[in-house]
Amino acid sequence: MTVARSLGATPRCGLRLRAGLSLLLLAGAGSALSAQKPAQKQAAPKRAALPPPPRNPPPPPLPAPAVERFRKMPPQQREQELAKLPPARRAQIEQRLNRIDQLAPEQRQQLDERYQRFQSLPPARRLAVRQELQNLRALPLAERRRRLEDPGFQQEYSNQEQQILRESLGPQAR
């Protein structure tokens, strides 16, 4: 026995009910299909044009405490301590040390001064500044500038902290 007959419908009503249900099903399936995106042809990936090199390269990041500790070591001790590290960590620290060593003397001096100011902050503020710096570096330049000019940002960070952040981001963000 069908659902229509159990409800007391005549065979003719059952046909209407089935036709109506069929239309509903078709309409639902049609709308589901139209909501799907049409298959797109696989085009060869376009190569993005490389952005022009920055006029003023960004300043090097503040060295991590481990990198700074290795910088202060005599070469022989540095080599011994680096040999104790896992290969990936050693390569990472060596890359950062090489980057700092390749700086011009005045850039290295500026980095050292900035790092000293950073180290003079209380530990909780150093953590906050380091996290903000990572967040700012992840932003596109326009958003980074907006964040630096935001009154909330200026209230959250002291003048010294703001200066460290701005100097660490380079002249493009200022």
Foldseek 3Di string as FASTA:
>chain_A
DDPCVVVPHDPVVVVVVVVVVVVVVVVVVVVVVVPDDDDDDDDDDDDDDDDDDDPDDAQAAQDDPVLVVLVPDDPVVSVVVLVPDDPVVSVVSVVSNVVLVPDDPVSNVVSVVLNVLLVVDPPVVNVVLVVVLVVLVVDPLVVSLVCLPDPVNPVVDDPSSSVSSDSNGHDSND
